[in-house]
Amino acid sequence: MDGTRTDRSPAALAARLLAGTGLGWLLVALGAALCVLGWCALSGDSLTARQWPYLAVATVPGAALLTGGLVWAAVRGLALMASGARTEAAAEAAAETGEPRP
């Protein structure tokens, strides 16, 4: 291997996806933690009026962070996979035509 091809092993793909989507996974973790904290606070109160502050402060923002993180991770993951496919296709095309590689 001359170093121009991308490694297609499952471990390398997982490493590339996690590296490009780190912010998304961090947002997912923060959102999940807020949702759990909000649920723990809500589960102790039976009076609805006392539950609203926990919904507003923890659960709703937690769900927003969770959703935003998943979208970020998906978009970045797709972009990384597409760029890897384009790079590999360009390298194969250059190898077939005998053109020098940049």
N, C-alpha and C. Protein backbone atom coordinates (compact mmCIF):
# COMPACT_ATOMS: atom_id res chain seq x y z
N MET A 1 0.84 -1.17 0.00
CA MET A 1 0.00 0.00 0.00
C MET A 1 0.89 1.24 0.00
N ASP A 2 0.60 2.21 -0.85
CA ASP A 2 1.46 3.38 -0.97
C ASP A 2 0.98 4.57 -0.15
N GLY A 3 -0.01 4.43 0.68
CA GLY A 3 -0.44 5.49 1.57
C GLY A 3 -1.49 6.42 1.00
N THR A 4 -1.86 6.25 -0.28
CA THR A 4 -2.85 7.14 -0.86
C THR A 4 -4.27 6.60 -0.72
N ARG A 5 -4.40 5.34 -0.52
CA ARG A 5 -5.74 4.76 -0.34
C ARG A 5 -6.17 4.85 1.11
N THR A 6 -7.47 4.99 1.29
CA THR A 6 -7.98 5.02 2.65
C THR A 6 -8.19 3.60 3.13
N ASP A 7 -7.93 3.39 4.39
CA ASP A 7 -8.10 2.08 5.00
C ASP A 7 -9.59 1.81 5.16
N ARG A 8 -10.08 0.71 4.61
CA ARG A 8 -11.51 0.40 4.64
C ARG A 8 -11.87 -0.61 5.71
N SER A 9 -10.97 -0.88 6.63
CA SER A 9 -11.28 -1.83 7.68
C SER A 9 -12.34 -1.23 8.61
N PRO A 10 -13.12 -2.07 9.28
CA PRO A 10 -14.15 -1.54 10.19
C PRO A 10 -13.58 -0.67 11.29
N ALA A 11 -12.42 -1.00 11.80
CA ALA A 11 -11.81 -0.20 12.87
C ALA A 11 -11.42 1.18 12.35
N ALA A 12 -10.87 1.25 11.15
CA ALA A 12 -10.47 2.54 10.59
C ALA A 12 -11.69 3.40 10.27
N LEU A 13 -12.74 2.78 9.75
CA LEU A 13 -13.97 3.52 9.47
C LEU A 13 -14.57 4.06 10.76
N ALA A 14 -14.59 3.25 11.79
CA ALA A 14 -15.12 3.70 13.08
C ALA A 14 -14.29 4.85 13.63
N ALA A 15 -12.97 4.77 13.49
CA ALA A 15 -12.10 5.84 13.98
C ALA A 15 -12.34 7.13 13.22
N ARG A 16 -12.50 7.05 11.89
CA ARG A 16 -12.77 8.25 11.09
C ARG A 16 -14.12 8.86 11.44
N LEU A 17 -15.13 8.02 11.65
CA LEU A 17 -16.45 8.54 11.98
C LEU A 17 -16.46 9.21 13.34
N LEU A 18 -15.81 8.60 14.32
CA LEU A 18 -15.79 9.19 15.65
C LEU A 18 -14.97 10.46 15.69
N ALA A 19 -13.90 10.53 14.90
CA ALA A 19 -13.06 11.73 14.89
C ALA A 19 -13.81 12.91 14.30
N GLY A 20 -14.56 12.70 13.26
CA GLY A 20 -15.28 13.79 12.61
C GLY A 20 -16.59 14.12 13.27
N THR A 21 -17.07 13.25 14.10
CA THR A 21 -18.37 13.46 14.70
C THR A 21 -18.28 13.62 16.21
N GLY A 22 -17.10 13.94 16.71
CA GLY A 22 -16.89 14.05 18.15
C GLY A 22 -17.83 15.04 18.83
N LEU A 23 -18.03 16.21 18.22
CA LEU A 23 -18.93 17.20 18.80
C LEU A 23 -20.36 16.66 18.88
N GLY A 24 -20.77 15.96 17.85
CA GLY A 24 -22.12 15.38 17.86
C GLY A 24 -22.31 14.39 18.99
N TRP A 25 -21.31 13.52 19.18
CA TRP A 25 -21.43 12.52 20.26
C TRP A 25 -21.36 13.19 21.63
N LEU A 26 -20.60 14.27 21.75
CA LEU A 26 -20.57 15.01 23.01
C LEU A 26 -21.94 15.63 23.31
N LEU A 27 -22.57 16.21 22.29
CA LEU A 27 -23.91 16.77 22.48
C LEU A 27 -24.93 15.70 22.84
N VAL A 28 -24.80 14.53 22.23
CA VAL A 28 -25.70 13.42 22.57
C VAL A 28 -25.54 13.02 24.03
N ALA A 29 -24.30 12.92 24.48
CA ALA A 29 -24.05 12.54 25.88
C ALA A 29 -24.59 13.59 26.85
N LEU A 30 -24.37 14.87 26.55
CA LEU A 30 -24.89 15.93 27.41
C LEU A 30 -26.42 15.93 27.42
N GLY A 31 -27.02 15.76 26.26
CA GLY A 31 -28.48 15.72 26.18
C GLY A 31 -29.06 14.54 26.94
N ALA A 32 -28.43 13.39 26.82
CA ALA A 32 -28.91 12.22 27.55
C ALA A 32 -28.78 12.43 29.06
N ALA A 33 -27.68 13.04 29.49
CA ALA A 33 -27.50 13.30 30.92
C ALA A 33 -28.57 14.27 31.43
N LEU A 34 -28.86 15.32 30.67
CA LEU A 34 -29.91 16.24 31.08
C LEU A 34 -31.28 15.57 31.13
N CYS A 35 -31.56 14.72 30.17
CA CYS A 35 -32.85 14.00 30.17
C CYS A 35 -32.97 13.10 31.39
N VAL A 36 -31.90 12.41 31.73
CA VAL A 36 -31.92 11.53 32.90
C VAL A 36 -32.10 12.35 34.17
N LEU A 37 -31.37 13.46 34.29
CA LEU A 37 -31.51 14.32 35.47
C LEU A 37 -32.93 14.88 35.57
N GLY A 38 -33.48 15.31 34.45
CA GLY A 38 -34.85 15.82 34.44
C GLY A 38 -35.85 14.75 34.82
N TRP A 39 -35.66 13.55 34.33
CA TRP A 39 -36.58 12.47 34.66
C TRP A 39 -36.49 12.12 36.14
N CYS A 40 -35.27 12.08 36.68
CA CYS A 40 -35.11 11.78 38.10
C CYS A 40 -35.81 12.83 38.96
N ALA A 41 -35.71 14.09 38.57
CA ALA A 41 -36.35 15.15 39.33
C ALA A 41 -37.87 15.09 39.18
N LEU A 42 -38.35 14.76 37.98
CA LEU A 42 -39.79 14.66 37.74
C LEU A 42 -40.43 13.49 38.46
N SER A 43 -39.71 12.40 38.55
CA SER A 43 -40.32 11.19 39.10
C SER A 43 -40.62 11.30 40.58
N GLY A 44 -40.00 12.25 41.27
CA GLY A 44 -40.23 12.39 42.70
C GLY A 44 -41.42 13.25 43.06
N ASP A 45 -41.97 13.99 42.09
CA ASP A 45 -43.09 14.89 42.36
C ASP A 45 -44.35 14.43 41.66
N SER A 46 -45.44 14.38 42.42
CA SER A 46 -46.72 13.99 41.80
C SER A 46 -47.54 15.21 41.42
N LEU A 47 -47.19 16.38 41.92
CA LEU A 47 -47.91 17.60 41.62
C LEU A 47 -47.37 18.21 40.32
N THR A 48 -48.26 18.38 39.36
CA THR A 48 -47.84 18.85 38.03
C THR A 48 -47.17 20.21 38.08
N ALA A 49 -47.65 21.09 38.92
CA ALA A 49 -47.09 22.44 39.00
C ALA A 49 -45.62 22.41 39.43
N ARG A 50 -45.23 21.42 40.18
CA ARG A 50 -43.83 21.32 40.60
C ARG A 50 -42.96 20.64 39.56
N GLN A 51 -43.56 20.01 38.58
CA GLN A 51 -42.80 19.32 37.54
C GLN A 51 -42.38 20.25 36.41
N TRP A 52 -43.11 21.34 36.16
CA TRP A 52 -42.81 22.24 35.04
C TRP A 52 -41.39 22.79 35.06
N PRO A 53 -40.87 23.24 36.21
CA PRO A 53 -39.49 23.77 36.18
C PRO A 53 -38.46 22.73 35.73
N TYR A 54 -38.66 21.48 36.13
CA TYR A 54 -37.71 20.44 35.71
C TYR A 54 -37.82 20.16 34.22
N LEU A 55 -39.03 20.23 33.70
CA LEU A 55 -39.21 20.06 32.25
C LEU A 55 -38.51 21.19 31.50
N ALA A 56 -38.69 22.42 31.98
CA ALA A 56 -38.14 23.58 31.28
C ALA A 56 -36.62 23.65 31.39
N VAL A 57 -36.06 23.25 32.53
CA VAL A 57 -34.63 23.42 32.75
C VAL A 57 -33.80 22.24 32.29
N ALA A 58 -34.32 21.03 32.37
CA ALA A 58 -33.49 19.86 32.08
C ALA A 58 -34.00 19.03 30.90
N THR A 59 -35.25 18.63 30.93
CA THR A 59 -35.71 17.66 29.96
C THR A 59 -35.82 18.21 28.54
N VAL A 60 -36.42 19.39 28.39
CA VAL A 60 -36.58 19.96 27.04
C VAL A 60 -35.22 20.32 26.42
N PRO A 61 -34.33 21.02 27.13
CA PRO A 61 -33.01 21.27 26.54
C PRO A 61 -32.22 19.98 26.30
N GLY A 62 -32.40 19.00 27.18
CA GLY A 62 -31.72 17.72 27.00
C GLY A 62 -32.16 17.04 25.72
N ALA A 63 -33.47 17.06 25.46
CA ALA A 63 -33.98 16.46 24.22
C ALA A 63 -33.48 17.23 23.00
N ALA A 64 -33.39 18.55 23.12
CA ALA A 64 -32.88 19.36 22.00
C ALA A 64 -31.41 19.04 21.73
N LEU A 65 -30.60 18.94 22.79
CA LEU A 65 -29.19 18.59 22.62
C LEU A 65 -29.04 17.19 22.04
N LEU A 66 -29.85 16.27 22.52
CA LEU A 66 -29.81 14.89 22.02
C LEU A 66 -30.12 14.86 20.53
N THR A 67 -31.17 15.53 20.13
CA THR A 67 -31.55 15.56 18.71
C THR A 67 -30.50 16.27 17.86
N GLY A 68 -30.04 17.43 18.34
CA GLY A 68 -29.02 18.16 17.59
C GLY A 68 -27.72 17.38 17.45
N GLY A 69 -27.34 16.69 18.51
CA GLY A 69 -26.12 15.88 18.46
C GLY A 69 -26.23 14.72 17.47
N LEU A 70 -27.39 14.08 17.45
CA LEU A 70 -27.58 12.98 16.50
C LEU A 70 -27.56 13.48 15.06
N VAL A 71 -28.19 14.62 14.82
CA VAL A 71 -28.18 15.19 13.46
C VAL A 71 -26.75 15.57 13.07
N TRP A 72 -26.02 16.23 13.98
CA TRP A 72 -24.63 16.61 13.70
C TRP A 72 -23.79 15.39 13.37
N ALA A 73 -23.92 14.34 14.19
CA ALA A 73 -23.13 13.13 13.97
C ALA A 73 -23.48 12.48 12.64
N ALA A 74 -24.76 12.46 12.30
CA ALA A 74 -25.18 11.84 11.04
C ALA A 74 -24.67 12.62 9.84
N VAL A 75 -24.80 13.93 9.88
CA VAL A 75 -24.35 14.76 8.76
C VAL A 75 -22.84 14.68 8.58
N ARG A 76 -22.09 14.80 9.69
CA ARG A 76 -20.63 14.71 9.61
C ARG A 76 -20.19 13.31 9.17
N GLY A 77 -20.88 12.29 9.66
CA GLY A 77 -20.54 10.93 9.28
C GLY A 77 -20.75 10.69 7.80
N LEU A 78 -21.86 11.18 7.26
CA LEU A 78 -22.13 11.03 5.82
C LEU A 78 -21.11 11.81 5.00
N ALA A 79 -20.75 13.01 5.47
CA ALA A 79 -19.76 13.81 4.75
C ALA A 79 -18.41 13.11 4.74
N LEU A 80 -18.02 12.53 5.87
CA LEU A 80 -16.74 11.81 5.92
C LEU A 80 -16.75 10.59 5.01
N MET A 81 -17.85 9.86 5.00
CA MET A 81 -17.91 8.68 4.14
C MET A 81 -17.89 9.08 2.67
N ALA A 82 -18.58 10.18 2.32
CA ALA A 82 -18.59 10.63 0.94
C ALA A 82 -17.21 11.11 0.50
N SER A 83 -16.52 11.85 1.36
CA SER A 83 -15.19 12.33 1.00
C SER A 83 -14.21 11.17 0.86
N GLY A 84 -14.34 10.17 1.70
CA GLY A 84 -13.49 8.99 1.59
C GLY A 84 -13.74 8.23 0.30
N ALA A 85 -15.00 8.13 -0.10
CA ALA A 85 -15.35 7.45 -1.35
C ALA A 85 -14.82 8.22 -2.55
N ARG A 86 -14.94 9.57 -2.50
CA ARG A 86 -14.44 10.39 -3.62
C ARG A 86 -12.92 10.28 -3.73
N THR A 87 -12.23 10.30 -2.61
CA THR A 87 -10.77 10.19 -2.62
C THR A 87 -10.33 8.85 -3.18
N GLU A 88 -11.00 7.80 -2.75
CA GLU A 88 -10.66 6.47 -3.22
C GLU A 88 -10.95 6.32 -4.71
N ALA A 89 -12.09 6.86 -5.17
CA ALA A 89 -12.44 6.78 -6.59
C ALA A 89 -11.44 7.55 -7.44
N ALA A 90 -11.00 8.71 -6.97
CA ALA A 90 -10.02 9.50 -7.71
C ALA A 90 -8.68 8.77 -7.79
N ALA A 91 -8.28 8.11 -6.71
CA ALA A 91 -7.02 7.37 -6.71
C ALA A 91 -7.09 6.18 -7.66
N GLU A 92 -8.22 5.50 -7.69
CA GLU A 92 -8.38 4.37 -8.61
C GLU A 92 -8.39 4.83 -10.06
N ALA A 93 -9.05 5.95 -10.33
CA ALA A 93 -9.09 6.48 -11.69
C ALA A 93 -7.70 6.89 -12.15
N ALA A 94 -6.93 7.51 -11.26
CA ALA A 94 -5.58 7.92 -11.62
C ALA A 94 -4.69 6.71 -11.86
N ALA A 95 -4.90 5.64 -11.10
CA ALA A 95 -4.10 4.44 -11.27
C ALA A 95 -4.42 3.77 -12.60
N GLU A 96 -5.70 3.80 -13.02
CA GLU A 96 -6.09 3.16 -14.27
C GLU A 96 -5.56 3.91 -15.48
N THR A 97 -5.53 5.24 -15.41
CA THR A 97 -5.10 6.03 -16.56
C THR A 97 -3.59 6.28 -16.55
N GLY A 98 -2.94 5.97 -15.45
CA GLY A 98 -1.50 6.14 -15.39
C GLY A 98 -1.08 7.57 -15.09
N GLU A 99 -2.03 8.43 -14.69
CA GLU A 99 -1.69 9.81 -14.38
C GLU A 99 -0.96 9.88 -13.05
N PRO A 100 -0.07 10.84 -12.93
CA PRO A 100 0.62 10.99 -11.63
C PRO A 100 -0.37 11.46 -10.56
N ARG A 101 -0.11 11.02 -9.37
CA ARG A 101 -0.99 11.40 -8.25
C ARG A 101 -0.55 12.73 -7.69
N PRO A 102 -1.51 13.54 -7.26
CA PRO A 102 -1.14 14.86 -6.72
C PRO A 102 -0.43 14.74 -5.40
